[in-house]
Amino acid sequence: MPNVLLIEDDAAIRTSLTRGLRERGHAVSSAPAALDGLRLAVEERPDLIVLDLGLPDLDGLDLLRMLRAVSRVPVIVATARDGDAEMVRLLDAGADDYVVKPFSAAQIDARIRAVLRRSGESRADSSVAVGGLRVDPRTREATLDGVPLDLSPREFDLLHYLAARPGEVVTKRELLTHVWQVPYGGADKTVDVHLSWLRRKLGETSAEPRYLHTVRGVGVRLAAPA
């Protein structure tokens, strides 16, 4: 059961949203102000925070920056401000998603489930080790036999997703959904090209694989060399 922290100063919205999210299977705690919310975020370590911007003691954007200084918890911003510049500012400050008021509990529930799906793998705080390969999602650094790998952000995400599932065959559909975060639409070549680049940086080829093994017609599997 996901634990959601709702930081919202409007009592009516807070009560209604708390009830609606609990009915949909979430455990919900709430705070009416920024500093109370920050305290609960540190003490309770929720799975996700829904953050209102118009708080009485501190602007929600300032609280978002404070949260990002101490936590990687996913944050959905609930705001009445719908300008493009404002949305860019929120995302740049570390928001994972936003929803514009008014909204329903069903909308927030859908956003929560989507953000938790996207962040589930990357929120793992411990590094992943497969053979001589080490992938650390906290620092976004990867090494092979102790040598740092020069990876693009997408290559890192791809490697981390595969390394977190050692020995499992992962389909291209799954990679497009979870790494590229787009619906499957025949973009297999995108995956193939990035796998090719990743193989090159791992010092291998599809003909002579060490870590990345193609399962023809199914997908790809990352495993330690025999």
Protein backbone atom coordinates (compact mmCIF):
# COMPACT_ATOMS: atom_id res chain seq x y z
CA MET A 1 0.00 0.00 0.00
CA PRO A 2 1.68 3.27 -1.10
CA ASN A 3 2.11 5.84 1.67
CA VAL A 4 1.18 9.30 0.38
CA LEU A 5 1.88 12.58 2.18
CA LEU A 6 -0.55 15.36 1.28
CA ILE A 7 0.66 18.90 2.01
CA GLU A 8 -2.38 21.15 1.51
CA ASP A 9 -3.63 24.10 3.55
CA ASP A 10 -7.28 24.00 2.43
CA ALA A 11 -9.07 21.82 5.00
CA ALA A 12 -11.93 20.89 2.68
CA ILE A 13 -9.59 19.78 -0.13
CA ARG A 14 -7.36 17.98 2.34
CA THR A 15 -10.27 16.03 3.83
CA SER A 16 -11.85 15.19 0.49
CA LEU A 17 -8.58 14.11 -1.13
CA THR A 18 -7.52 12.08 1.89
CA ARG A 19 -10.81 10.20 1.85
CA GLY A 20 -10.70 9.65 -1.92
CA LEU A 21 -7.13 8.34 -1.93
CA ARG A 22 -7.76 6.03 1.02
CA GLU A 23 -10.75 4.59 -0.82
CA ARG A 24 -8.37 3.83 -3.69
CA GLY A 25 -5.94 1.91 -1.52
CA HIS A 26 -3.43 4.53 -0.40
CA ALA A 27 -2.25 5.17 3.14
CA VAL A 28 -2.48 8.95 3.55
CA SER A 29 -1.00 11.36 6.05
CA SER A 30 -1.42 15.11 5.72
CA ALA A 31 -0.06 18.46 6.80
CA PRO A 32 -1.65 21.93 6.53
CA ALA A 33 1.62 23.86 6.20
CA ALA A 34 5.06 23.63 4.63
CA LEU A 35 7.21 23.10 7.71
CA ASP A 36 4.84 20.50 9.15
CA GLY A 37 4.98 18.74 5.79
CA LEU A 38 8.78 18.84 5.72
CA ARG A 39 8.91 17.31 9.20
CA LEU A 40 6.55 14.49 8.20
CA ALA A 41 8.49 13.89 4.98
CA VAL A 42 11.69 13.36 7.00
CA GLU A 43 10.08 11.34 9.81
CA GLU A 44 7.68 9.16 7.81
CA ARG A 45 9.61 8.74 4.54
CA PRO A 46 6.47 8.55 2.36
CA ASP A 47 6.46 6.88 -1.04
CA LEU A 48 5.16 10.06 -2.68
CA ILE A 49 4.20 13.64 -1.78
CA VAL A 50 1.32 15.66 -3.22
CA LEU A 51 2.34 19.28 -2.68
CA ASP A 52 0.13 22.38 -2.88
CA LEU A 53 1.98 25.56 -3.80
CA GLY A 54 -0.17 28.07 -1.90
CA LEU A 55 0.89 27.29 1.66
CA PRO A 56 0.53 29.74 4.55
CA ASP A 57 4.06 29.65 5.97
CA LEU A 58 6.24 29.05 2.90
CA ASP A 59 5.78 28.98 -0.86
CA GLY A 60 5.43 25.44 -2.13
CA LEU A 61 8.22 25.95 -4.63
CA ASP A 62 10.62 26.81 -1.81
CA LEU A 63 9.48 23.71 0.06
CA LEU A 64 10.06 21.61 -3.06
CA ARG A 65 13.66 22.83 -3.20
CA MET A 66 14.10 22.03 0.50
CA LEU A 67 12.70 18.53 -0.04
CA ARG A 68 15.06 17.93 -2.94
CA ALA A 69 17.99 18.85 -0.71
CA VAL A 70 17.21 15.96 1.65
CA SER A 71 15.13 13.43 -0.29
CA ARG A 72 14.52 11.79 -3.66
CA VAL A 73 10.84 11.12 -2.84
CA PRO A 74 8.61 11.65 -5.90
CA VAL A 75 6.60 14.88 -5.71
CA ILE A 76 3.41 15.76 -7.58
CA VAL A 77 2.69 19.48 -7.40
CA ALA A 78 -0.95 20.54 -7.18
CA THR A 79 -1.31 24.11 -8.40
CA ALA A 80 -3.73 26.69 -9.74
CA ARG A 81 -0.86 28.23 -11.73
CA ASP A 82 -1.05 26.81 -15.25
CA GLY A 83 1.42 28.91 -17.25
CA ASP A 84 4.13 27.13 -19.25
CA ALA A 85 6.91 29.08 -17.57
CA GLU A 86 5.62 28.08 -14.13
CA MET A 87 5.43 24.42 -15.11
CA VAL A 88 9.00 24.48 -16.45
CA ARG A 89 10.15 26.12 -13.22
CA LEU A 90 8.46 23.41 -11.12
CA LEU A 91 9.92 20.55 -13.13
CA ASP A 92 13.37 22.14 -13.09
CA ALA A 93 13.09 22.48 -9.31
CA GLY A 94 12.56 18.73 -8.99
CA ALA A 95 8.82 18.03 -9.36
CA ASP A 96 8.04 14.66 -10.93
CA ASP A 97 4.61 15.72 -12.18
CA TYR A 98 1.98 18.40 -11.67
CA VAL A 99 -1.77 18.69 -11.80
CA VAL A 100 -3.74 21.90 -12.22
CA LYS A 101 -6.65 22.67 -9.89
CA PRO A 102 -9.48 21.79 -9.79
CA PHE A 103 -8.91 18.06 -9.93
CA SER A 104 -10.51 14.88 -8.59
CA ALA A 105 -9.15 12.14 -6.35
CA ALA A 106 -9.34 9.81 -9.37
CA GLN A 107 -7.02 12.11 -11.35
CA ILE A 108 -4.52 12.33 -8.51
CA ASP A 109 -4.69 8.56 -8.00
CA ALA A 110 -3.84 7.98 -11.68
CA ARG A 111 -0.94 10.43 -11.49
CA ILE A 112 0.37 8.78 -8.31
CA ARG A 113 0.30 5.33 -9.87
CA ALA A 114 2.05 6.58 -13.02
CA VAL A 115 4.81 8.41 -11.10
CA LEU A 116 5.41 5.43 -8.80
CA ARG A 117 5.66 3.12 -11.82
CA ARG A 118 8.21 5.42 -13.46
CA SER A 119 10.27 5.98 -10.34
CA GLY A 120 10.09 2.50 -8.85
CA GLU A 121 13.39 1.31 -10.28
CA SER A 122 15.33 4.55 -10.09
CA ARG A 123 14.37 5.08 -6.44
CA ALA A 124 16.38 2.06 -5.37
CA ASP A 125 19.03 3.59 -3.12
CA SER A 126 21.55 0.77 -3.26
CA SER A 127 23.96 0.25 -6.11
CA VAL A 128 23.56 -2.72 -8.44
CA ALA A 129 26.39 -5.16 -9.08
CA VAL A 130 26.51 -7.75 -11.86
CA GLY A 131 29.90 -9.36 -12.28
CA GLY A 132 32.42 -6.56 -12.67
CA LEU A 133 29.68 -4.07 -13.51
CA ARG A 134 28.57 -1.57 -10.85
CA VAL A 135 25.67 0.85 -11.32
CA ASP A 136 24.86 3.48 -8.67
CA PRO A 137 21.53 5.29 -9.20
CA ARG A 138 22.29 7.78 -6.43
CA THR A 139 25.34 9.23 -8.15
CA ARG A 140 24.32 8.08 -11.64
CA GLU A 141 27.74 6.54 -12.08
CA ALA A 142 28.61 3.18 -13.61
CA THR A 143 31.92 1.33 -13.63
CA LEU A 144 33.17 -1.82 -15.37
CA ASP A 145 35.98 -3.62 -13.58
CA GLY A 146 36.61 -0.40 -11.66
CA VAL A 147 36.83 1.79 -14.75
CA PRO A 148 34.18 4.56 -15.05
CA LEU A 149 31.84 4.28 -18.04
CA ASP A 150 31.10 7.43 -20.03
CA LEU A 151 27.34 7.04 -20.50
CA SER A 152 24.67 9.40 -21.74
CA PRO A 153 21.65 9.84 -19.41
CA ARG A 154 19.58 7.47 -21.57
CA GLU A 155 22.35 4.88 -21.72
CA PHE A 156 22.66 5.01 -17.94
CA ASP A 157 18.90 4.55 -17.47
CA LEU A 158 18.94 1.63 -19.90
CA LEU A 159 21.90 -0.04 -18.21
CA HIS A 160 20.43 0.48 -14.75
CA TYR A 161 17.06 -0.97 -15.75
CA LEU A 162 18.69 -4.10 -17.17
CA ALA A 163 21.25 -4.47 -14.36
CA ALA A 164 18.47 -4.32 -11.76
CA ARG A 165 17.03 -7.48 -13.39
CA PRO A 166 20.09 -9.71 -13.84
CA GLY A 167 19.37 -12.83 -15.83
CA GLU A 168 15.86 -11.72 -16.80
CA VAL A 169 14.82 -11.34 -20.42
CA VAL A 170 13.46 -7.80 -20.86
CA THR A 171 11.36 -7.02 -23.93
CA LYS A 172 11.72 -3.95 -26.12
CA ARG A 173 8.15 -3.03 -25.24
CA GLU A 174 9.11 -2.97 -21.57
CA LEU A 175 12.20 -0.87 -22.26
CA LEU A 176 10.23 1.66 -24.28
CA THR A 177 7.63 1.91 -21.53
CA HIS A 178 9.93 2.17 -18.52
CA VAL A 179 13.16 3.68 -19.85
CA TRP A 180 11.81 5.91 -22.62
CA GLN A 181 8.41 6.30 -20.91
CA VAL A 182 6.53 6.16 -24.19
CA PRO A 183 3.88 3.68 -25.35
CA TYR A 184 5.04 0.92 -27.63
CA GLY A 185 4.73 2.16 -31.20
CA GLY A 186 7.15 0.24 -33.37
CA ALA A 187 10.22 2.22 -32.26
CA ASP A 188 12.35 -0.93 -31.91
CA LYS A 189 15.24 0.74 -33.74
CA THR A 190 15.56 3.30 -30.94
CA VAL A 191 16.18 0.49 -28.47
CA ASP A 192 18.48 -1.36 -30.87
CA VAL A 193 20.64 1.71 -31.47
CA HIS A 194 21.04 2.46 -27.76
CA LEU A 195 21.84 -1.18 -27.02
CA SER A 196 24.49 -1.05 -29.74
CA TRP A 197 26.04 2.07 -28.19
CA LEU A 198 25.90 0.50 -24.74
CA ARG A 199 27.58 -2.69 -25.98
CA ARG A 200 30.40 -0.63 -27.49
CA LYS A 201 31.02 1.10 -24.15
CA LEU A 202 30.98 -2.26 -22.37
CA GLY A 203 33.65 -3.49 -24.80
CA GLU A 204 31.54 -6.13 -26.50
CA THR A 205 29.48 -6.78 -29.63
CA SER A 206 26.21 -8.57 -30.34
CA ALA A 207 28.24 -11.33 -32.00
CA GLU A 208 30.53 -11.67 -28.98
CA PRO A 209 28.49 -10.59 -25.93
CA ARG A 210 29.80 -10.50 -22.38
CA TYR A 211 26.98 -8.83 -20.44
CA LEU A 212 24.22 -7.99 -22.94
CA HIS A 213 22.69 -11.05 -24.57
CA THR A 214 20.07 -10.76 -27.29
CA VAL A 215 17.22 -13.26 -27.07
CA ARG A 216 16.03 -13.31 -30.66
CA GLY A 217 12.41 -12.34 -31.09
CA VAL A 218 11.98 -11.62 -27.37
CA GLY A 219 14.34 -9.00 -26.00
CA VAL A 220 17.65 -8.67 -24.17
CA ARG A 221 19.17 -10.14 -21.02
CA LEU A 222 21.97 -8.72 -18.88
CA ALA A 223 24.03 -11.30 -17.02
CA ALA A 224 27.56 -11.63 -15.63
CA PRO A 225 30.09 -13.28 -17.93
CA ALA A 226 30.39 -17.02 -17.41
